[in-house]
Amino acid sequence: MAKVGIADTAFARYDMGKAAIDELKRHSSVKIERYTVPGIKDLPVACKKLFDEHKCDIVMALGMPGSKPTDKTCAHEASMGIIYCQLMTNKHIIEVFVHEDEAPDGKELAWLMDRRAREHAQNVIKLLFTPKVLEREAGTGQRQGYEDVGPARQ
């Protein structure tokens, strides 16, 4: 049975880990291991621990960078660490970040965080069990969270 790691943060203003787990359980029968850390810069080591110590096959890294320039830099650093972790383990980490300034208010932010976590959980299921579905979606302008943008036309 496939094992999915959920690395999430206490800093986020919505429990994206819970939403991802709910979506995974709703659409698959995978084992789930959750590891919650304080903030996004802690996610790379959480992901590595989920692979090394908990033997996960794939990990979702969920976090909410703040809206200030420093937060954008921290998000970039966290993303770089996540990429390094993928290269070190040769396994996918699905990064699910929602920046605090992506939505005008808390209600829409919560909606976006829930939707993006769920849609990326569906991507995890596709990567694990039906990768040809992703191949068919190539070039179709899929977005997680807000509406898909569709393919560019010539």
N, C-alpha and C. Protein backbone atom coordinates (compact mmCIF):
# COMPACT_ATOMS: atom_id res chain seq x y z
N MET A 1 0.84 -1.18 0.00
CA MET A 1 0.00 0.00 0.00
C MET A 1 0.89 1.25 0.00
N ALA A 2 0.54 2.20 -0.84
CA ALA A 2 1.31 3.44 -0.93
C ALA A 2 1.18 4.24 0.36
N LYS A 3 2.24 4.97 0.69
CA LYS A 3 2.25 5.79 1.89
C LYS A 3 2.53 7.24 1.50
N VAL A 4 1.63 8.13 1.92
CA VAL A 4 1.73 9.55 1.60
C VAL A 4 2.10 10.32 2.87
N GLY A 5 3.12 11.15 2.75
CA GLY A 5 3.50 12.02 3.85
C GLY A 5 2.84 13.38 3.70
N ILE A 6 2.38 13.91 4.81
CA ILE A 6 1.79 15.25 4.85
C ILE A 6 2.66 16.09 5.78
N ALA A 7 3.39 17.04 5.19
CA ALA A 7 4.19 17.98 5.98
C ALA A 7 3.47 19.32 5.93
N ASP A 8 3.07 19.81 7.08
CA ASP A 8 2.35 21.08 7.13
C ASP A 8 2.86 21.94 8.26
N THR A 9 2.31 23.17 8.37
CA THR A 9 2.85 24.14 9.32
C THR A 9 1.79 24.68 10.28
N ALA A 10 2.28 25.06 11.45
CA ALA A 10 1.41 25.72 12.42
C ALA A 10 1.19 27.19 12.06
N PHE A 11 2.07 27.77 11.24
CA PHE A 11 1.94 29.17 10.86
C PHE A 11 0.74 29.42 9.94
N ALA A 12 0.38 28.43 9.14
CA ALA A 12 -0.73 28.60 8.19
C ALA A 12 -2.01 28.97 8.93
N ARG A 13 -2.83 29.76 8.28
CA ARG A 13 -4.08 30.23 8.89
C ARG A 13 -5.26 29.29 8.61
N TYR A 14 -4.98 28.14 8.00
CA TYR A 14 -6.01 27.14 7.71
C TYR A 14 -5.33 25.78 7.76
N ASP A 15 -6.05 24.76 8.19
CA ASP A 15 -5.48 23.41 8.33
C ASP A 15 -5.51 22.70 6.98
N MET A 16 -4.53 23.04 6.13
CA MET A 16 -4.46 22.43 4.80
C MET A 16 -4.12 20.95 4.89
N GLY A 17 -3.38 20.55 5.91
CA GLY A 17 -3.06 19.13 6.08
C GLY A 17 -4.32 18.31 6.27
N LYS A 18 -5.22 18.80 7.07
CA LYS A 18 -6.50 18.11 7.30
C LYS A 18 -7.29 17.99 6.00
N ALA A 19 -7.33 19.06 5.20
CA ALA A 19 -8.06 19.03 3.93
C ALA A 19 -7.43 18.02 2.98
N ALA A 20 -6.10 18.00 2.90
CA ALA A 20 -5.41 17.06 2.02
C ALA A 20 -5.67 15.62 2.44
N ILE A 21 -5.60 15.37 3.74
CA ILE A 21 -5.84 14.02 4.26
C ILE A 21 -7.27 13.59 3.95
N ASP A 22 -8.23 14.48 4.16
CA ASP A 22 -9.62 14.17 3.86
C ASP A 22 -9.79 13.78 2.39
N GLU A 23 -9.15 14.55 1.50
CA GLU A 23 -9.27 14.29 0.06
C GLU A 23 -8.59 12.97 -0.31
N LEU A 24 -7.44 12.70 0.26
CA LEU A 24 -6.74 11.44 -0.01
C LEU A 24 -7.58 10.25 0.44
N LYS A 25 -8.17 10.34 1.62
CA LYS A 25 -8.99 9.24 2.14
C LYS A 25 -10.27 9.08 1.32
N ARG A 26 -10.79 10.16 0.82
CA ARG A 26 -12.03 10.13 0.05
C ARG A 26 -11.85 9.42 -1.30
N HIS A 27 -10.64 9.52 -1.88
CA HIS A 27 -10.44 9.03 -3.25
C HIS A 27 -9.42 7.91 -3.38
N SER A 28 -8.87 7.42 -2.28
CA SER A 28 -7.88 6.34 -2.37
C SER A 28 -7.80 5.63 -1.03
N SER A 29 -7.05 4.55 -1.05
CA SER A 29 -6.77 3.86 0.21
C SER A 29 -5.26 3.83 0.39
N VAL A 30 -4.72 4.92 0.88
CA VAL A 30 -3.29 5.05 1.13
C VAL A 30 -3.07 5.19 2.62
N LYS A 31 -1.89 4.83 3.05
CA LYS A 31 -1.49 5.11 4.43
C LYS A 31 -1.01 6.55 4.46
N ILE A 32 -1.26 7.22 5.57
CA ILE A 32 -0.89 8.63 5.68
C ILE A 32 -0.06 8.84 6.94
N GLU A 33 1.01 9.59 6.79
CA GLU A 33 1.86 9.97 7.91
C GLU A 33 1.94 11.49 7.91
N ARG A 34 1.57 12.11 9.02
CA ARG A 34 1.57 13.58 9.11
C ARG A 34 2.70 14.05 10.02
N TYR A 35 3.33 15.13 9.60
CA TYR A 35 4.42 15.74 10.38
C TYR A 35 4.23 17.25 10.30
N THR A 36 3.88 17.87 11.41
CA THR A 36 3.61 19.31 11.44
C THR A 36 4.79 20.04 12.06
N VAL A 37 5.21 21.13 11.41
CA VAL A 37 6.35 21.93 11.85
C VAL A 37 5.89 23.38 12.04
N PRO A 38 6.72 24.23 12.66
CA PRO A 38 6.29 25.61 12.90
C PRO A 38 6.03 26.42 11.63
N GLY A 39 6.97 26.44 10.68
CA GLY A 39 6.82 27.31 9.52
C GLY A 39 7.37 26.70 8.25
N ILE A 40 7.27 27.44 7.14
CA ILE A 40 7.62 26.88 5.83
C ILE A 40 9.09 26.51 5.68
N LYS A 41 10.00 27.23 6.34
CA LYS A 41 11.41 26.88 6.20
C LYS A 41 11.74 25.57 6.91
N ASP A 42 10.82 25.07 7.72
CA ASP A 42 11.00 23.77 8.38
C ASP A 42 10.49 22.61 7.52
N LEU A 43 9.80 22.92 6.43
CA LEU A 43 9.21 21.87 5.59
C LEU A 43 10.23 20.95 4.92
N PRO A 44 11.36 21.45 4.40
CA PRO A 44 12.28 20.52 3.73
C PRO A 44 12.75 19.37 4.63
N VAL A 45 13.13 19.67 5.86
CA VAL A 45 13.58 18.58 6.74
C VAL A 45 12.39 17.69 7.13
N ALA A 46 11.21 18.25 7.27
CA ALA A 46 10.03 17.42 7.55
C ALA A 46 9.80 16.43 6.42
N CYS A 47 9.93 16.91 5.18
CA CYS A 47 9.76 16.03 4.03
C CYS A 47 10.82 14.93 4.02
N LYS A 48 12.06 15.30 4.29
CA LYS A 48 13.15 14.32 4.30
C LYS A 48 12.91 13.27 5.38
N LYS A 49 12.46 13.69 6.55
CA LYS A 49 12.16 12.75 7.63
C LYS A 49 11.00 11.83 7.24
N LEU A 50 10.01 12.37 6.55
CA LEU A 50 8.89 11.52 6.12
C LEU A 50 9.36 10.45 5.14
N PHE A 51 10.32 10.77 4.29
CA PHE A 51 10.88 9.76 3.39
C PHE A 51 11.77 8.78 4.14
N ASP A 52 12.73 9.31 4.91
CA ASP A 52 13.75 8.47 5.52
C ASP A 52 13.25 7.67 6.73
N GLU A 53 12.54 8.34 7.61
CA GLU A 53 12.14 7.69 8.86
C GLU A 53 10.78 7.04 8.80
N HIS A 54 9.91 7.55 7.93
CA HIS A 54 8.54 7.03 7.86
C HIS A 54 8.24 6.28 6.56
N LYS A 55 9.25 6.21 5.67
CA LYS A 55 9.18 5.41 4.43
C LYS A 55 8.02 5.80 3.52
N CYS A 56 7.76 7.10 3.40
CA CYS A 56 6.69 7.56 2.52
C CYS A 56 7.13 7.45 1.05
N ASP A 57 6.16 7.23 0.19
CA ASP A 57 6.41 7.13 -1.25
C ASP A 57 6.38 8.49 -1.93
N ILE A 58 5.62 9.39 -1.38
CA ILE A 58 5.44 10.74 -1.91
C ILE A 58 5.05 11.62 -0.73
N VAL A 59 5.34 12.91 -0.82
CA VAL A 59 5.02 13.84 0.27
C VAL A 59 4.35 15.08 -0.30
N MET A 60 3.41 15.61 0.46
CA MET A 60 2.84 16.92 0.19
C MET A 60 3.41 17.87 1.23
N ALA A 61 3.92 19.04 0.77
CA ALA A 61 4.44 20.07 1.66
C ALA A 61 3.49 21.25 1.59
N LEU A 62 2.75 21.48 2.66
CA LEU A 62 1.70 22.50 2.67
C LEU A 62 2.07 23.64 3.60
N GLY A 63 1.99 24.86 3.09
CA GLY A 63 2.33 26.01 3.92
C GLY A 63 1.76 27.30 3.39
N MET A 64 1.81 28.31 4.25
CA MET A 64 1.28 29.62 3.90
C MET A 64 2.34 30.68 4.18
N PRO A 65 3.05 31.11 3.14
CA PRO A 65 3.96 32.23 3.33
C PRO A 65 3.16 33.51 3.57
N GLY A 66 3.70 34.38 4.37
CA GLY A 66 3.04 35.66 4.63
C GLY A 66 3.11 36.57 3.41
N SER A 67 2.72 37.82 3.60
CA SER A 67 2.59 38.75 2.47
C SER A 67 3.75 39.75 2.34
N LYS A 68 4.64 39.78 3.31
CA LYS A 68 5.74 40.75 3.28
C LYS A 68 6.90 40.25 2.40
N PRO A 69 7.75 41.17 1.93
CA PRO A 69 8.89 40.76 1.10
C PRO A 69 9.77 39.69 1.76
N THR A 70 9.97 39.79 3.07
CA THR A 70 10.75 38.78 3.79
C THR A 70 10.09 37.42 3.67
N ASP A 71 8.77 37.38 3.74
CA ASP A 71 8.03 36.13 3.63
C ASP A 71 8.20 35.51 2.24
N LYS A 72 8.23 36.35 1.21
CA LYS A 72 8.44 35.86 -0.16
C LYS A 72 9.83 35.22 -0.28
N THR A 73 10.82 35.86 0.35
CA THR A 73 12.18 35.29 0.35
C THR A 73 12.19 33.96 1.08
N CYS A 74 11.54 33.90 2.22
CA CYS A 74 11.48 32.65 2.99
C CYS A 74 10.79 31.55 2.18
N ALA A 75 9.73 31.91 1.44
CA ALA A 75 9.03 30.92 0.61
C ALA A 75 9.97 30.38 -0.47
N HIS A 76 10.76 31.27 -1.07
CA HIS A 76 11.72 30.84 -2.09
C HIS A 76 12.76 29.90 -1.49
N GLU A 77 13.26 30.24 -0.30
CA GLU A 77 14.24 29.39 0.37
C GLU A 77 13.64 28.03 0.69
N ALA A 78 12.42 28.02 1.17
CA ALA A 78 11.74 26.75 1.48
C ALA A 78 11.56 25.93 0.21
N SER A 79 11.17 26.58 -0.88
CA SER A 79 11.01 25.88 -2.15
C SER A 79 12.32 25.26 -2.61
N MET A 80 13.40 26.00 -2.47
CA MET A 80 14.71 25.47 -2.86
C MET A 80 15.06 24.23 -2.02
N GLY A 81 14.79 24.31 -0.72
CA GLY A 81 15.04 23.15 0.15
C GLY A 81 14.19 21.95 -0.24
N ILE A 82 12.96 22.20 -0.62
CA ILE A 82 12.06 21.12 -1.06
C ILE A 82 12.59 20.50 -2.35
N ILE A 83 13.04 21.33 -3.27
CA ILE A 83 13.61 20.82 -4.52
C ILE A 83 14.85 19.97 -4.22
N TYR A 84 15.73 20.44 -3.35
CA TYR A 84 16.92 19.66 -2.99
C TYR A 84 16.51 18.31 -2.39
N CYS A 85 15.50 18.33 -1.55
CA CYS A 85 15.03 17.08 -0.93
C CYS A 85 14.53 16.11 -2.00
N GLN A 86 13.82 16.61 -2.99
CA GLN A 86 13.36 15.74 -4.08
C GLN A 86 14.55 15.11 -4.80
N LEU A 87 15.56 15.92 -5.08
CA LEU A 87 16.73 15.41 -5.78
C LEU A 87 17.52 14.42 -4.93
N MET A 88 17.59 14.65 -3.63
CA MET A 88 18.32 13.74 -2.74
C MET A 88 17.61 12.40 -2.58
N THR A 89 16.29 12.41 -2.67
CA THR A 89 15.52 11.18 -2.42
C THR A 89 14.99 10.54 -3.70
N ASN A 90 15.04 11.28 -4.80
CA ASN A 90 14.48 10.83 -6.08
C ASN A 90 12.98 10.51 -5.94
N LYS A 91 12.30 11.34 -5.14
CA LYS A 91 10.86 11.16 -4.92
C LYS A 91 10.17 12.52 -5.03
N HIS A 92 8.91 12.47 -5.42
CA HIS A 92 8.14 13.70 -5.58
C HIS A 92 7.71 14.29 -4.24
N ILE A 93 7.81 15.62 -4.18
CA ILE A 93 7.19 16.39 -3.11
C ILE A 93 6.29 17.39 -3.81
N ILE A 94 5.03 17.33 -3.52
CA ILE A 94 4.07 18.26 -4.11
C ILE A 94 3.99 19.47 -3.18
N GLU A 95 4.55 20.57 -3.65
CA GLU A 95 4.56 21.80 -2.85
C GLU A 95 3.21 22.50 -2.99
N VAL A 96 2.59 22.77 -1.86
CA VAL A 96 1.28 23.41 -1.85
C VAL A 96 1.37 24.65 -0.97
N PHE A 97 1.77 25.75 -1.60
CA PHE A 97 1.87 27.01 -0.88
C PHE A 97 0.72 27.91 -1.31
N VAL A 98 0.14 28.59 -0.35
CA VAL A 98 -0.83 29.65 -0.63
C VAL A 98 -0.30 30.88 0.09
N HIS A 99 0.07 31.89 -0.69
CA HIS A 99 0.58 33.12 -0.10
C HIS A 99 -0.59 33.90 0.52
N GLU A 100 -0.32 34.49 1.66
CA GLU A 100 -1.36 35.19 2.40
C GLU A 100 -2.03 36.29 1.57
N ASP A 101 -1.30 36.87 0.62
CA ASP A 101 -1.87 37.95 -0.18
C ASP A 101 -2.52 37.47 -1.48
N GLU A 102 -2.75 36.18 -1.62
CA GLU A 102 -3.43 35.66 -2.81
C GLU A 102 -4.93 35.87 -2.76
N ALA A 103 -5.45 36.21 -1.61
CA ALA A 103 -6.89 36.42 -1.46
C ALA A 103 -7.14 37.69 -0.67
N PRO A 104 -8.25 38.37 -0.93
CA PRO A 104 -8.50 39.67 -0.29
C PRO A 104 -8.91 39.60 1.18
N ASP A 105 -9.40 38.45 1.64
CA ASP A 105 -9.85 38.37 3.03
C ASP A 105 -9.70 36.93 3.54
N GLY A 106 -9.92 36.77 4.83
CA GLY A 106 -9.74 35.46 5.47
C GLY A 106 -10.66 34.39 4.93
N LYS A 107 -11.88 34.76 4.59
CA LYS A 107 -12.84 33.77 4.09
C LYS A 107 -12.39 33.20 2.75
N GLU A 108 -11.99 34.08 1.82
CA GLU A 108 -11.53 33.60 0.52
C GLU A 108 -10.19 32.88 0.65
N LEU A 109 -9.34 33.34 1.57
CA LEU A 109 -8.07 32.67 1.81
C LEU A 109 -8.30 31.24 2.28
N ALA A 110 -9.21 31.04 3.21
CA ALA A 110 -9.52 29.69 3.70
C ALA A 110 -10.06 28.82 2.56
N TRP A 111 -10.94 29.39 1.74
CA TRP A 111 -11.49 28.67 0.59
C TRP A 111 -10.37 28.24 -0.35
N LEU A 112 -9.44 29.17 -0.64
CA LEU A 112 -8.34 28.88 -1.55
C LEU A 112 -7.41 27.82 -0.97
N MET A 113 -7.10 27.91 0.30
CA MET A 113 -6.21 26.94 0.93
C MET A 113 -6.82 25.55 0.91
N ASP A 114 -8.11 25.47 1.19
CA ASP A 114 -8.79 24.18 1.16
C ASP A 114 -8.78 23.60 -0.26
N ARG A 115 -9.16 24.41 -1.22
CA ARG A 115 -9.27 23.94 -2.60
C ARG A 115 -7.91 23.53 -3.17
N ARG A 116 -6.89 24.35 -2.92
CA ARG A 116 -5.56 24.02 -3.45
C ARG A 116 -5.03 22.74 -2.81
N ALA A 117 -5.23 22.57 -1.52
CA ALA A 117 -4.78 21.35 -0.84
C ALA A 117 -5.48 20.12 -1.42
N ARG A 118 -6.78 20.23 -1.63
CA ARG A 118 -7.55 19.11 -2.17
C ARG A 118 -7.16 18.79 -3.61
N GLU A 119 -7.00 19.81 -4.43
CA GLU A 119 -6.65 19.55 -5.83
C GLU A 119 -5.25 18.97 -5.95
N HIS A 120 -4.33 19.40 -5.11
CA HIS A 120 -3.00 18.79 -5.13
C HIS A 120 -3.03 17.37 -4.56
N ALA A 121 -3.90 17.10 -3.60
CA ALA A 121 -4.06 15.72 -3.12
C ALA A 121 -4.52 14.82 -4.27
N GLN A 122 -5.39 15.33 -5.12
CA GLN A 122 -5.81 14.57 -6.30
C GLN A 122 -4.63 14.34 -7.24
N ASN A 123 -3.73 15.32 -7.34
CA ASN A 123 -2.52 15.13 -8.15
C ASN A 123 -1.63 14.03 -7.57
N VAL A 124 -1.56 13.96 -6.25
CA VAL A 124 -0.78 12.90 -5.61
C VAL A 124 -1.35 11.54 -6.00
N ILE A 125 -2.65 11.41 -5.96
CA ILE A 125 -3.30 10.15 -6.34
C ILE A 125 -2.99 9.82 -7.80
N LYS A 126 -3.04 10.82 -8.65
CA LYS A 126 -2.72 10.59 -10.07
C LYS A 126 -1.27 10.14 -10.23
N LEU A 127 -0.34 10.81 -9.55
CA LEU A 127 1.07 10.42 -9.65
C LEU A 127 1.30 8.99 -9.18
N LEU A 128 0.62 8.60 -8.11
CA LEU A 128 0.81 7.26 -7.56
C LEU A 128 0.15 6.17 -8.39
N PHE A 129 -1.07 6.43 -8.86
CA PHE A 129 -1.87 5.34 -9.42
C PHE A 129 -2.25 5.48 -10.90
N THR A 130 -2.34 6.70 -11.41
CA THR A 130 -2.77 6.89 -12.80
C THR A 130 -1.97 8.00 -13.48
N PRO A 131 -0.66 7.82 -13.60
CA PRO A 131 0.17 8.89 -14.17
C PRO A 131 -0.21 9.25 -15.61
N LYS A 132 -0.82 8.36 -16.35
CA LYS A 132 -1.23 8.67 -17.73
C LYS A 132 -2.29 9.76 -17.75
N VAL A 133 -3.06 9.91 -16.68
CA VAL A 133 -4.05 10.98 -16.60
C VAL A 133 -3.34 12.33 -16.64
N LEU A 134 -2.25 12.46 -15.91
CA LEU A 134 -1.48 13.70 -15.94
C LEU A 134 -0.90 13.95 -17.33
N GLU A 135 -0.48 12.90 -17.99
CA GLU A 135 0.03 13.05 -19.34
C GLU A 135 -1.05 13.61 -20.27
N ARG A 136 -2.27 13.14 -20.11
CA ARG A 136 -3.38 13.65 -20.93
C ARG A 136 -3.71 15.10 -20.59
N GLU A 137 -3.41 15.53 -19.36
CA GLU A 137 -3.69 16.90 -18.94
C GLU A 137 -2.57 17.88 -19.33
N ALA A 138 -1.48 17.37 -19.87
CA ALA A 138 -0.35 18.24 -20.25
C ALA A 138 -0.82 19.31 -21.24
N GLY A 139 -0.43 20.54 -20.97
CA GLY A 139 -0.75 21.65 -21.87
C GLY A 139 -2.18 22.15 -21.80
N THR A 140 -2.93 21.74 -20.79
CA THR A 140 -4.34 22.14 -20.72
C THR A 140 -4.59 23.29 -19.75
N GLY A 141 -3.53 23.87 -19.17
CA GLY A 141 -3.70 25.03 -18.30
C GLY A 141 -4.36 24.73 -16.97
N GLN A 142 -4.06 23.56 -16.41
CA GLN A 142 -4.63 23.18 -15.12
C GLN A 142 -4.05 24.07 -14.01
N ARG A 143 -4.88 24.51 -13.11
CA ARG A 143 -4.45 25.30 -11.95
C ARG A 143 -5.06 24.69 -10.70
N GLN A 144 -4.34 24.77 -9.60
CA GLN A 144 -4.85 24.27 -8.34
C GLN A 144 -5.25 25.47 -7.50
N GLY A 145 -6.50 25.51 -7.13
CA GLY A 145 -7.02 26.63 -6.37
C GLY A 145 -8.04 27.36 -7.18
N TYR A 146 -7.61 28.41 -7.85
CA TYR A 146 -8.52 29.16 -8.71
C TYR A 146 -8.82 28.37 -9.98
N GLU A 147 -9.71 28.88 -10.81
CA GLU A 147 -10.14 28.19 -12.02
C GLU A 147 -8.97 27.92 -12.97
N ASP A 148 -9.07 26.82 -13.71
CA ASP A 148 -8.09 26.51 -14.75
C ASP A 148 -8.10 27.62 -15.78
N VAL A 149 -6.95 27.86 -16.40
CA VAL A 149 -6.86 28.91 -17.41
C VAL A 149 -7.03 28.39 -18.83
N GLY A 150 -6.92 27.07 -19.00
CA GLY A 150 -7.08 26.47 -20.33
C GLY A 150 -5.83 26.61 -21.16
N PRO A 151 -5.80 25.89 -22.29
CA PRO A 151 -4.61 25.92 -23.14
C PRO A 151 -4.52 27.22 -23.94
N ALA A 152 -3.29 27.57 -24.28
CA ALA A 152 -3.07 28.71 -25.19
C ALA A 152 -3.39 28.24 -26.61
N ARG A 153 -3.94 29.10 -27.39
CA ARG A 153 -4.32 28.75 -28.78
C ARG A 153 -3.45 29.54 -29.76
N GLN A 154 -3.11 28.90 -30.87
CA GLN A 154 -2.34 29.58 -31.93
C GLN A 154 -3.28 30.15 -32.95
